[in-house]
Amino acid sequence: MTIRILRPLARLAGLVLPMLGTLAAAAGPSARDFEFRHENVLGTSMELRVRAATDDAAQAAETRALAEIDRLAAILSSYDPASDFRRWQATIGQPESIAPELYELLRASDQWREASGGAFDPRVQALTELWSRCARLDRRPTDDERARTQAQMAHPAWRLDPDRKTAEHLSDAPLSLNSIAKGFILGRAAEAARAGNPAIRGVLLNIGGDIRVIGEVARTIGVAPPVGDSESAAPIAVVEVRDRSVATSGNSQRGFRIAGTWYSHIFDPRTGQPAAGVLGATVIAQQAADANAIATTLNVLPIEDGLRFVASIPGAEALIVAADGQIHKTPGWSKYERPMTATAAPAPPRTSPAVADADAWGQTHELRVNLEIRGPEGNTRRRYQRPYVAVWVEDKDGLAARTLALWLQTRDPGPRWHPDLKRWYRDDQTRKLADDTNLIDTLSRATRPPGKYTLTWDGKDDHGQPLAPGNYTICIEAAREHGTYQLIRKDITIGDTPFSADLGGNPEIKAASIDYHRK
């Protein structure tokens, strides 16, 4: 699940994204927001926002957060064969002394499995591996294969000794702590970023769409729609949180396509089948690990059971999107929810004609822009900072019509690197002269999975006005502080005829393509 900060309203980046937050009066006037973005952190994207008094304090917070993520990943990773968790799984029938963090997660997993009636279960990894094997063969598992896998899952996975703090691995069933470990690491890393430093007034940490907010700041977070997984999709709800965690789980980003049908990557351990009754769930809770576990569980339980489950957990609230698109909320969700409407700046005169809503091409068609940011060659595990990227649409006169994405690294005294995006920055200055709207504040985007993104243009300009069919240009600009400057431009004609095109790549953008089609 993915973050971004917008004004006046957020459109989504992953499953969840934050907009511009407010600072408590106690923080004082000298504190500023600093922003750090990295790719391939726990297999996804990461955004850290620090409210700090100085640049040095903010950068030290970034260093501490990354170090804590690395430390805990070395203990809890399900993918690294050298992690404490994987090495413990290689043992069988022998009590082992394990890291306190691993013991804590195993104990918490037992508690969530019992509380959820078996809907949450780390042994579900056996189903993930079964369906992955079958998906490569483009077939569903047979009833016999599912029965054998569930029989394997029926054995107790471990036994904990609370006095000695040991764990005995009891079963050969594959295990994964992914549904709770990311939240656990997120919470610990956010605390590490603050680390009792009075110069740090607040921290927002987003890892793959799961968010932890701590300190003297309140942040406004948009909830991504569980379908239409575009970076530019509008949120379905907006909440404001302080000292809380927000997690979203759903099937829009990961799953299996078998014989043309999409199946969720989330499984019901009790039936062996992919979860199907829920498209996505967003949870607000005190602790990030709890929000993580609850959100996954809500994808498995029937809607009414899920709402009762959340009601049994003190301090937790949830929004659930059912398979039919209906939105269900717990009663306490409303205390966090904020209006989604905002007053846009008046639209300047345009050279591209605006049209009535009923006649707009965006009513029937959409344009999708796909791009992949280039990471370090030959090292799929290494994290890397994302370049500064702008993706936008120009009209026939070369003026910016719609900014789809703007990804920056913000440092004291502000977004100092945006002039490196030379063509987009030129258009932004023109725009500010026309209507005093600063697009840097309006359209600051973040990401979900590492490197690969999809943006959708709905046929409207930056003021929400529908545009007429005609000639436009898609622009993808990328710049890196210690790298290169790159610009991809593609002229297109918007009309009734669908089309697609490969835009190629460069040293910063590995690949890009566009697809214009009926909705």
Protein backbone atom coordinates (compact mmCIF):
# COMPACT_ATOMS: atom_id res chain seq x y z
CA MET A 1 0.00 0.00 0.00
CA THR A 2 1.48 4.09 -1.07
CA ILE A 3 1.96 8.44 0.21
CA ARG A 4 1.82 11.90 -1.10
CA ILE A 5 1.13 15.40 0.13
CA LEU A 6 -1.21 17.62 -1.82
CA ARG A 7 -3.01 20.89 -1.46
CA PRO A 8 -5.92 21.46 -1.46
CA LEU A 9 -6.88 17.79 -1.87
CA ALA A 10 -4.97 14.54 -2.31
CA ARG A 11 -5.16 12.02 -5.07
CA LEU A 12 -3.71 8.67 -4.25
CA ALA A 13 -0.40 7.04 -4.64
CA GLY A 14 -0.59 3.60 -3.32
CA LEU A 15 -3.22 2.42 -1.15
CA VAL A 16 -2.97 5.35 1.23
CA LEU A 17 -1.43 8.81 0.98
CA PRO A 18 -0.98 11.87 3.22
CA MET A 19 -1.75 15.42 2.31
CA LEU A 20 -0.37 18.60 3.81
CA GLY A 21 -0.54 18.35 7.57
CA THR A 22 -0.95 20.91 10.31
CA LEU A 23 1.47 21.70 13.10
CA ALA A 24 0.42 21.88 16.70
CA ALA A 25 0.92 25.30 18.25
CA ALA A 26 3.48 23.88 20.66
CA ALA A 27 5.85 23.10 17.79
CA GLY A 28 6.78 26.72 17.35
CA PRO A 29 7.27 28.74 14.19
CA SER A 30 10.82 27.59 13.38
CA ALA A 31 9.98 23.95 12.59
CA ARG A 32 9.75 22.99 8.91
CA ASP A 33 8.87 19.92 6.90
CA PHE A 34 11.65 17.86 5.35
CA GLU A 35 10.94 15.02 2.96
CA PHE A 36 12.99 11.93 2.03
CA ARG A 37 12.01 9.26 -0.52
CA HIS A 38 13.59 5.90 -1.19
CA GLU A 39 12.78 2.93 -3.41
CA ASN A 40 13.09 -0.78 -2.64
CA VAL A 41 12.67 -0.45 1.11
CA LEU A 42 11.13 -3.71 2.37
CA GLY A 43 10.32 -4.40 -1.28
CA THR A 44 8.31 -1.22 -1.78
CA SER A 45 8.62 2.57 -1.70
CA MET A 46 9.28 4.66 1.39
CA GLU A 47 8.51 8.26 2.23
CA LEU A 48 9.70 9.96 5.40
CA ARG A 49 8.41 13.39 6.38
CA VAL A 50 10.12 15.04 9.34
CA ARG A 51 8.97 18.22 11.06
CA ALA A 52 12.27 19.53 12.42
CA ALA A 53 14.01 22.70 13.51
CA THR A 54 17.10 22.15 11.34
CA ASP A 55 18.25 20.35 8.22
CA ASP A 56 20.86 18.43 10.23
CA ALA A 57 18.21 17.13 12.65
CA ALA A 58 16.00 16.00 9.77
CA GLN A 59 18.82 14.18 7.99
CA ALA A 60 19.86 12.50 11.24
CA ALA A 61 16.26 11.32 11.63
CA GLU A 62 16.38 9.84 8.13
CA THR A 63 19.62 8.00 8.97
CA ARG A 64 18.17 6.56 12.18
CA ALA A 65 14.96 5.42 10.48
CA LEU A 66 16.81 3.63 7.67
CA ALA A 67 19.21 1.99 10.12
CA GLU A 68 16.32 0.66 12.21
CA ILE A 69 14.56 -0.68 9.11
CA ASP A 70 17.74 -2.49 8.07
CA ARG A 71 18.27 -3.88 11.58
CA LEU A 72 14.74 -5.25 11.90
CA ALA A 73 14.62 -6.56 8.33
CA ALA A 74 17.72 -8.63 9.10
CA ILE A 75 15.72 -10.24 11.92
CA LEU A 76 12.19 -10.52 10.48
CA SER A 77 12.49 -10.81 6.70
CA SER A 78 10.64 -13.66 5.04
CA TYR A 79 12.76 -13.24 1.88
CA ASP A 80 16.32 -13.02 3.15
CA PRO A 81 17.66 -16.55 3.80
CA ALA A 82 20.12 -15.08 6.31
CA SER A 83 17.44 -13.42 8.47
CA ASP A 84 16.83 -14.65 12.02
CA PHE A 85 13.30 -15.67 11.02
CA ARG A 86 14.42 -17.76 8.06
CA ARG A 87 17.25 -19.39 10.01
CA TRP A 88 14.84 -20.25 12.85
CA GLN A 89 12.45 -21.81 10.30
CA ALA A 90 15.26 -24.14 9.25
CA THR A 91 15.20 -25.69 12.73
CA ILE A 92 12.59 -28.23 13.82
CA GLY A 93 11.58 -29.63 17.20
CA GLN A 94 14.21 -27.74 19.19
CA PRO A 95 13.56 -24.73 21.47
CA GLU A 96 15.68 -21.84 20.20
CA SER A 97 16.62 -18.54 21.77
CA ILE A 98 15.51 -15.91 19.30
CA ALA A 99 15.67 -12.12 18.97
CA PRO A 100 13.18 -10.30 21.23
CA GLU A 101 11.53 -8.70 18.18
CA LEU A 102 10.93 -12.08 16.55
CA TYR A 103 9.55 -13.51 19.76
CA GLU A 104 7.20 -10.53 20.07
CA LEU A 105 5.85 -11.02 16.55
CA LEU A 106 5.33 -14.76 17.00
CA ARG A 107 3.43 -14.07 20.21
CA ALA A 108 1.35 -11.34 18.54
CA SER A 109 0.59 -13.68 15.63
CA ASP A 110 -0.78 -16.25 18.06
CA GLN A 111 -3.00 -13.58 19.60
CA TRP A 112 -4.32 -12.34 16.26
CA ARG A 113 -4.96 -15.89 15.01
CA GLU A 114 -7.05 -16.63 18.08
CA ALA A 115 -8.88 -13.28 18.07
CA SER A 116 -9.76 -13.58 14.37
CA GLY A 117 -11.00 -17.16 14.57
CA GLY A 118 -8.22 -18.30 12.26
CA ALA A 119 -8.69 -15.63 9.58
CA PHE A 120 -5.19 -14.35 10.39
CA ASP A 121 -2.55 -17.08 10.24
CA PRO A 122 1.16 -16.95 9.22
CA ARG A 123 0.80 -20.51 7.90
CA VAL A 124 -1.20 -19.06 5.00
CA GLN A 125 2.15 -18.79 3.22
CA ALA A 126 1.61 -22.42 2.20
CA LEU A 127 -1.43 -21.34 0.17
CA THR A 128 0.52 -18.46 -1.36
CA GLU A 129 3.19 -20.85 -2.57
CA LEU A 130 0.61 -23.35 -3.89
CA TRP A 131 -1.30 -20.72 -5.87
CA SER A 132 1.94 -19.19 -7.16
CA ARG A 133 3.04 -22.54 -8.56
CA CYS A 134 -0.33 -23.13 -10.18
CA ALA A 135 -0.53 -19.59 -11.59
CA ARG A 136 2.72 -20.19 -13.46
CA LEU A 137 0.92 -23.12 -15.10
CA ASP A 138 -2.16 -20.94 -15.70
CA ARG A 139 -4.46 -23.16 -13.67
CA ARG A 140 -6.21 -23.17 -10.31
CA PRO A 141 -5.10 -25.65 -7.64
CA THR A 142 -7.06 -28.87 -7.62
CA ASP A 143 -9.25 -29.78 -4.66
CA ASP A 144 -6.71 -32.45 -3.74
CA GLU A 145 -3.82 -29.95 -3.79
CA ARG A 146 -5.74 -27.55 -1.57
CA ALA A 147 -6.68 -30.33 0.84
CA ARG A 148 -3.06 -31.44 1.18
CA THR A 149 -1.91 -27.87 1.76
CA GLN A 150 -4.57 -27.24 4.40
CA ALA A 151 -3.64 -30.49 6.13
CA GLN A 152 -0.05 -29.24 6.25
CA MET A 153 -1.29 -25.96 7.74
CA ALA A 154 -3.34 -27.73 10.41
CA HIS A 155 -0.28 -28.64 12.51
CA PRO A 156 0.84 -26.08 15.13
CA ALA A 157 3.63 -23.97 13.67
CA TRP A 158 5.53 -23.19 16.88
CA ARG A 159 5.55 -23.37 20.65
CA LEU A 160 6.67 -20.40 22.75
CA ASP A 161 8.20 -20.54 26.21
CA PRO A 162 7.35 -17.21 27.91
CA ASP A 163 9.80 -17.81 30.75
CA ARG A 164 12.86 -18.62 28.66
CA LYS A 165 11.70 -16.54 25.65
CA THR A 166 12.41 -19.45 23.33
CA ALA A 167 10.50 -20.61 20.27
CA GLU A 168 10.27 -24.19 19.06
CA HIS A 169 9.50 -24.63 15.38
CA LEU A 170 7.08 -27.57 15.08
CA SER A 171 5.90 -27.83 11.48
CA ASP A 172 7.23 -27.91 7.94
CA ALA A 173 4.45 -25.59 6.74
CA PRO A 174 5.88 -22.45 5.09
CA LEU A 175 5.49 -19.34 7.24
CA SER A 176 5.38 -15.61 6.58
CA LEU A 177 5.09 -12.69 8.98
CA ASN A 178 4.50 -10.19 6.18
CA SER A 179 0.99 -9.31 7.36
CA ILE A 180 2.34 -7.94 10.62
CA ALA A 181 6.11 -7.46 10.26
CA LYS A 182 5.97 -4.44 7.93
CA GLY A 183 3.77 -2.58 10.38
CA PHE A 184 6.02 -3.57 13.27
CA ILE A 185 9.13 -2.31 11.46
CA LEU A 186 7.28 0.85 10.41
CA GLY A 187 6.37 1.71 13.99
CA ARG A 188 9.84 1.06 15.38
CA ALA A 189 11.51 3.03 12.57
CA ALA A 190 9.24 6.04 13.12
CA GLU A 191 10.15 6.05 16.79
CA ALA A 192 13.83 5.73 15.90
CA ALA A 193 13.55 8.75 13.62
CA ARG A 194 12.31 10.85 16.52
CA ALA A 195 14.54 9.17 19.14
CA GLY A 196 13.79 11.69 21.87
CA ASN A 197 15.41 14.54 19.94
CA PRO A 198 13.59 17.79 20.83
CA ALA A 199 14.56 19.24 17.43
CA ILE A 200 12.26 16.62 15.85
CA ARG A 201 8.68 17.83 16.31
CA GLY A 202 6.89 15.16 14.33
CA VAL A 203 7.40 12.24 11.97
CA LEU A 204 5.31 10.69 9.23
CA LEU A 205 6.70 7.43 7.87
CA ASN A 206 5.08 5.62 4.98
CA ILE A 207 6.29 2.22 3.79
CA GLY A 208 4.29 0.88 0.89
CA GLY A 209 1.12 2.71 1.91
CA ASP A 210 1.20 1.80 5.61
CA ILE A 211 1.66 4.96 7.65
CA ARG A 212 2.74 5.92 11.16
CA VAL A 213 2.30 9.49 12.43
CA ILE A 214 3.95 10.51 15.71
CA GLY A 215 4.79 13.72 17.52
CA GLU A 216 3.25 17.17 17.49
CA VAL A 217 1.79 17.02 13.99
CA ALA A 218 -1.57 16.01 12.60
CA ARG A 219 -1.58 14.64 9.07
CA THR A 220 -4.37 14.34 6.55
CA ILE A 221 -4.38 11.01 4.74
CA GLY A 222 -6.35 9.98 1.70
CA VAL A 223 -7.63 6.43 1.26
CA ALA A 224 -6.97 5.04 -2.20
CA PRO A 225 -9.72 3.36 -4.19
CA PRO A 226 -9.18 -0.41 -4.20
CA VAL A 227 -9.71 -0.52 -7.99
CA GLY A 228 -8.26 1.72 -10.66
CA ASP A 229 -4.77 1.55 -9.19
CA SER A 230 -3.45 4.80 -10.64
CA GLU A 231 -1.16 7.24 -8.89
CA SER A 232 -3.56 9.98 -9.95
CA ALA A 233 -6.80 8.37 -8.73
CA ALA A 234 -8.86 10.46 -6.32
CA PRO A 235 -9.19 9.17 -2.74
CA ILE A 236 -12.44 7.62 -1.57
CA ALA A 237 -12.07 9.12 1.91
CA VAL A 238 -9.87 11.56 3.81
CA VAL A 239 -8.91 11.24 7.47
CA GLU A 240 -6.80 13.30 9.84
CA VAL A 241 -4.68 11.47 12.41
CA ARG A 242 -2.23 12.33 15.17
CA ASP A 243 -0.13 9.69 16.96
CA ARG A 244 -1.90 6.96 15.03
CA SER A 245 -1.19 4.37 12.37
CA VAL A 246 -3.08 3.81 9.12
CA ALA A 247 -2.84 0.62 7.06
CA THR A 248 -4.61 -0.47 3.90
CA SER A 249 -4.81 -3.97 2.52
CA GLY A 250 -6.44 -5.11 -0.71
CA ASN A 251 -6.00 -7.03 -3.91
CA SER A 252 -5.44 -4.27 -6.47
CA GLN A 253 -1.64 -4.50 -6.53
CA ARG A 254 -0.82 -8.15 -5.96
CA GLY A 255 -2.52 -11.35 -6.95
CA PHE A 256 -2.71 -14.05 -9.60
CA ARG A 257 -4.19 -13.96 -13.09
CA ILE A 258 -5.25 -17.47 -14.05
CA ALA A 259 -7.09 -18.21 -17.29
CA GLY A 260 -7.99 -14.54 -17.53
CA THR A 261 -9.42 -14.25 -14.00
CA TRP A 262 -7.79 -12.18 -11.24
CA TYR A 263 -7.42 -13.75 -7.79
CA SER A 264 -6.36 -11.95 -4.63
CA HIS A 265 -2.99 -12.64 -3.01
CA ILE A 266 -4.83 -12.69 0.34
CA PHE A 267 -6.16 -16.13 1.29
CA ASP A 268 -8.67 -17.42 3.79
CA PRO A 269 -6.63 -19.97 5.80
CA ARG A 270 -9.86 -21.70 6.79
CA THR A 271 -11.00 -22.49 3.23
CA GLY A 272 -7.82 -22.38 1.16
CA GLN A 273 -9.47 -19.95 -1.26
CA PRO A 274 -8.46 -16.41 -2.22
CA ALA A 275 -10.34 -13.69 -0.38
CA ALA A 276 -13.23 -12.51 -2.54
CA GLY A 277 -15.85 -10.61 -0.54
CA VAL A 278 -13.76 -7.48 0.13
CA LEU A 279 -11.90 -5.28 -2.33
CA GLY A 280 -9.91 -3.44 0.32
CA ALA A 281 -9.83 -2.34 3.95
CA THR A 282 -8.23 0.61 5.69
CA VAL A 283 -7.61 0.59 9.44
CA ILE A 284 -6.72 3.31 11.94
CA ALA A 285 -5.08 2.00 15.11
CA GLN A 286 -2.61 3.09 17.74
CA GLN A 287 0.15 0.66 16.74
CA ALA A 288 1.26 0.08 13.15
CA ALA A 289 1.63 -3.69 13.57
CA ASP A 290 -1.97 -3.91 14.82
CA ALA A 291 -3.31 -1.83 11.92
CA ASN A 292 -1.37 -4.06 9.53
CA ALA A 293 -2.78 -7.30 10.98
CA ILE A 294 -6.36 -6.01 11.25
CA ALA A 295 -6.42 -4.71 7.66
CA THR A 296 -5.32 -8.10 6.32
CA THR A 297 -7.90 -9.90 8.47
CA LEU A 298 -10.72 -7.66 7.23
CA ASN A 299 -10.05 -8.82 3.67
CA VAL A 300 -10.80 -12.38 4.79
CA LEU A 301 -13.81 -11.99 7.08
CA PRO A 302 -17.35 -11.34 5.79
CA ILE A 303 -18.24 -7.66 6.09
CA GLU A 304 -20.45 -7.90 9.18
CA ASP A 305 -18.01 -10.21 10.92
CA GLY A 306 -15.21 -7.79 10.09
CA LEU A 307 -17.07 -4.81 11.54
CA ARG A 308 -17.73 -6.75 14.75
CA PHE A 309 -14.08 -7.80 14.86
CA VAL A 310 -12.89 -4.18 14.70
CA ALA A 311 -15.45 -3.16 17.34
CA SER A 312 -13.84 -5.66 19.73
CA ILE A 313 -10.43 -3.95 19.44
CA PRO A 314 -10.02 -0.81 21.60
CA GLY A 315 -8.99 2.25 19.61
CA ALA A 316 -9.36 0.65 16.17
CA GLU A 317 -11.58 1.97 13.37
CA ALA A 318 -11.96 0.80 9.80
CA LEU A 319 -13.33 1.49 6.35
CA ILE A 320 -14.14 -1.59 4.25
CA VAL A 321 -14.95 -1.65 0.54
CA ALA A 322 -17.07 -4.68 -0.33
CA ALA A 323 -16.77 -6.59 -3.59
CA ASP A 324 -19.88 -4.77 -4.90
CA GLY A 325 -18.23 -1.40 -4.24
CA GLN A 326 -20.29 -0.54 -1.17
CA ILE A 327 -18.35 1.27 1.56
CA HIS A 328 -18.79 0.21 5.19
CA LYS A 329 -17.39 2.14 8.15
CA THR A 330 -17.14 1.49 11.85
CA PRO A 331 -19.04 4.05 13.97
CA GLY A 332 -15.87 5.72 15.26
CA TRP A 333 -14.39 6.26 11.80
CA SER A 334 -16.29 9.56 11.54
CA LYS A 335 -14.21 11.22 14.26
CA TYR A 336 -11.18 11.00 11.96
CA GLU A 337 -12.90 11.69 8.64
CA ARG A 338 -12.56 15.09 6.98
CA PRO A 339 -14.41 16.64 4.02
CA MET A 340 -13.12 15.69 0.60
CA THR A 341 -14.22 18.91 -1.10
CA ALA A 342 -11.92 21.85 -1.57
CA THR A 343 -12.08 25.15 -3.40
CA ALA A 344 -9.86 25.15 -6.47
CA ALA A 345 -8.17 28.25 -7.78
CA PRO A 346 -10.06 29.98 -10.60
CA ALA A 347 -9.10 28.62 -13.98
CA PRO A 348 -7.01 30.92 -16.20
CA PRO A 349 -7.88 31.50 -19.84
CA ARG A 350 -6.92 28.48 -21.92
CA THR A 351 -5.78 27.93 -25.46
CA SER A 352 -7.12 24.35 -25.31
CA PRO A 353 -10.93 24.66 -25.27
CA ALA A 354 -12.76 23.42 -22.19
CA VAL A 355 -16.00 21.60 -22.93
CA ALA A 356 -19.17 20.64 -21.13
CA ASP A 357 -18.92 17.56 -18.93
CA ALA A 358 -21.33 15.61 -21.10
CA ASP A 359 -19.17 16.16 -24.19
CA ALA A 360 -15.78 15.53 -22.59
CA TRP A 361 -13.73 12.60 -23.85
CA GLY A 362 -12.89 11.74 -20.24
CA GLN A 363 -16.47 10.55 -19.79
CA THR A 364 -15.77 7.55 -22.03
CA HIS A 365 -11.98 7.25 -22.38
CA GLU A 366 -8.84 7.54 -20.29
CA LEU A 367 -5.12 7.71 -20.93
CA ARG A 368 -2.78 5.60 -18.83
CA VAL A 369 0.92 6.43 -18.52
CA ASN A 370 3.14 3.59 -17.30
CA LEU A 371 6.72 4.15 -16.25
CA GLU A 372 9.49 2.34 -14.45
CA ILE A 373 12.26 4.20 -12.64
CA ARG A 374 15.68 2.70 -13.16
CA GLY A 375 17.31 1.23 -10.06
CA PRO A 376 20.87 0.06 -9.46
CA GLU A 377 21.90 -2.52 -12.02
CA GLY A 378 22.55 -6.06 -10.85
CA ASN A 379 21.40 -5.59 -7.24
CA THR A 380 17.67 -6.11 -6.72
CA ARG A 381 17.94 -5.84 -2.93
CA ARG A 382 19.68 -2.49 -2.74
CA ARG A 383 17.57 0.55 -1.92
CA TYR A 384 18.01 3.73 -3.89
CA GLN A 385 16.76 7.30 -3.86
CA ARG A 386 14.18 8.14 -6.45
CA PRO A 387 15.08 10.86 -8.97
CA TYR A 388 12.99 14.00 -9.14
CA VAL A 389 10.23 13.23 -11.64
CA ALA A 390 7.45 15.23 -13.26
CA VAL A 391 4.81 13.72 -15.55
CA TRP A 392 2.41 16.11 -17.24
CA VAL A 393 0.34 16.88 -20.33
CA GLU A 394 0.94 19.91 -22.55
CA ASP A 395 -1.65 21.41 -24.87
CA LYS A 396 -1.06 22.19 -28.55
CA ASP A 397 0.65 25.46 -27.62
CA GLY A 398 3.12 23.80 -25.25
CA LEU A 399 1.42 25.00 -22.06
CA ALA A 400 0.89 22.69 -19.09
CA ALA A 401 -2.67 21.33 -19.13
CA ARG A 402 -2.46 18.72 -16.40
CA THR A 403 0.30 17.63 -14.01
CA LEU A 404 -0.13 13.91 -13.28
CA ALA A 405 2.82 13.41 -10.94
CA LEU A 406 5.47 15.46 -9.22
CA TRP A 407 7.96 13.57 -7.05
CA LEU A 408 10.50 15.70 -5.21
CA GLN A 409 12.96 15.49 -2.36
CA THR A 410 12.22 18.40 -0.04
CA ARG A 411 14.93 19.87 2.16
CA ASP A 412 15.60 23.14 3.91
CA PRO A 413 14.43 25.71 2.98
CA GLY A 414 11.95 23.92 0.71
CA PRO A 415 11.70 21.92 -2.52
CA ARG A 416 15.04 23.18 -3.71
CA TRP A 417 15.54 20.65 -6.49
CA HIS A 418 12.47 21.34 -8.60
CA PRO A 419 14.32 23.77 -10.95
CA ASP A 420 16.27 20.72 -12.16
CA LEU A 421 13.01 19.64 -13.80
CA LYS A 422 13.66 22.33 -16.37
CA ARG A 423 10.69 22.05 -18.70
CA TRP A 424 8.09 21.37 -16.01
CA TYR A 425 9.47 24.17 -13.84
CA ARG A 426 9.17 26.59 -16.75
CA ASP A 427 5.49 25.69 -17.10
CA ASP A 428 4.95 26.01 -13.35
CA GLN A 429 6.28 29.55 -13.38
CA THR A 430 3.94 30.41 -16.24
CA ARG A 431 1.09 28.87 -14.29
CA LYS A 432 1.88 30.86 -11.14
CA LEU A 433 1.87 34.10 -13.14
CA ALA A 434 -1.54 33.21 -14.55
CA ASP A 435 -3.43 32.21 -11.42
CA ASP A 436 -1.02 32.26 -8.47
CA THR A 437 -1.38 28.49 -8.09
CA ASN A 438 1.81 26.73 -6.99
CA LEU A 439 1.70 23.25 -8.45
CA ILE A 440 4.49 22.13 -6.18
CA ASP A 441 2.04 22.30 -3.29
CA THR A 442 -0.95 21.08 -5.27
CA LEU A 443 0.49 17.97 -6.89
CA SER A 444 3.21 16.25 -4.90
CA ARG A 445 2.98 12.49 -5.44
CA ALA A 446 4.45 9.37 -3.94
CA THR A 447 4.55 5.73 -4.85
CA ARG A 448 3.60 2.15 -4.06
CA PRO A 449 5.71 -0.73 -5.39
CA PRO A 450 9.33 0.07 -6.11
CA GLY A 451 10.05 1.57 -9.46
CA LYS A 452 6.85 0.85 -11.42
CA TYR A 453 3.97 3.33 -11.56
CA THR A 454 0.76 3.94 -13.45
CA LEU A 455 -0.84 7.37 -13.88
CA THR A 456 -4.27 7.99 -15.37
CA TRP A 457 -5.39 11.13 -17.16
CA ASP A 458 -9.15 11.58 -16.97
CA GLY A 459 -9.36 14.33 -19.57
CA LYS A 460 -9.41 17.22 -17.11
CA ASP A 461 -7.02 20.06 -16.48
CA ASP A 462 -5.46 20.99 -13.14
CA HIS A 463 -8.60 22.89 -12.18
CA GLY A 464 -10.90 19.92 -12.82
CA GLN A 465 -12.25 21.35 -16.09
CA PRO A 466 -12.87 18.82 -18.89
CA LEU A 467 -10.81 19.35 -22.02
CA ALA A 468 -11.76 18.88 -25.66
CA PRO A 469 -10.33 16.16 -27.91
CA GLY A 470 -7.33 17.26 -29.93
CA ASN A 471 -3.54 17.33 -29.97
CA TYR A 472 -1.55 17.06 -26.75
CA THR A 473 1.96 16.05 -25.65
CA ILE A 474 2.85 13.63 -22.86
CA CYS A 475 6.01 14.70 -21.00
CA ILE A 476 8.09 12.64 -18.55
CA GLU A 477 11.00 14.56 -17.05
CA ALA A 478 13.56 13.14 -14.61
CA ALA A 479 16.61 14.67 -12.91
CA ARG A 480 18.98 13.32 -10.30
CA GLU A 481 21.21 15.40 -8.02
CA HIS A 482 24.28 13.32 -8.83
CA GLY A 483 23.01 11.87 -12.09
CA THR A 484 21.57 12.96 -15.40
CA TYR A 485 18.73 15.07 -16.77
CA GLN A 486 16.26 13.29 -19.06
CA LEU A 487 13.09 14.25 -20.93
CA ILE A 488 10.65 12.02 -22.82
CA ARG A 489 8.00 13.73 -25.01
CA LYS A 490 5.31 12.07 -27.09
CA ASP A 491 2.76 13.87 -29.28
CA ILE A 492 -0.69 12.27 -29.20
CA THR A 493 -4.11 12.88 -30.70
CA ILE A 494 -7.06 12.38 -28.36
CA GLY A 495 -10.27 11.31 -30.10
CA ASP A 496 -12.43 8.22 -30.50
CA THR A 497 -9.66 5.86 -31.64
CA PRO A 498 -7.79 3.87 -28.95
CA PHE A 499 -4.00 3.67 -29.27
CA SER A 500 -0.89 2.61 -27.37
CA ALA A 501 2.77 3.47 -27.72
CA ASP A 502 6.14 2.49 -26.28
CA LEU A 503 8.02 5.62 -25.23
CA GLY A 504 11.35 3.89 -24.66
CA GLY A 505 13.69 4.62 -21.77
CA ASN A 506 16.78 6.49 -20.66
CA PRO A 507 19.34 6.44 -17.82
CA GLU A 508 16.70 7.55 -15.24
CA ILE A 509 13.45 6.12 -16.65
CA LYS A 510 13.95 2.47 -17.50
CA ALA A 511 10.77 2.15 -19.58
CA ALA A 512 7.63 4.14 -20.35
CA SER A 513 4.48 3.53 -22.35
CA ILE A 514 1.01 4.99 -22.87
CA ASP A 515 -2.37 3.41 -23.51
CA TYR A 516 -5.49 5.33 -24.56
CA HIS A 517 -8.64 3.24 -24.27
CA ARG A 518 -12.31 3.16 -23.39
CA LYS A 519 -13.05 2.97 -19.69
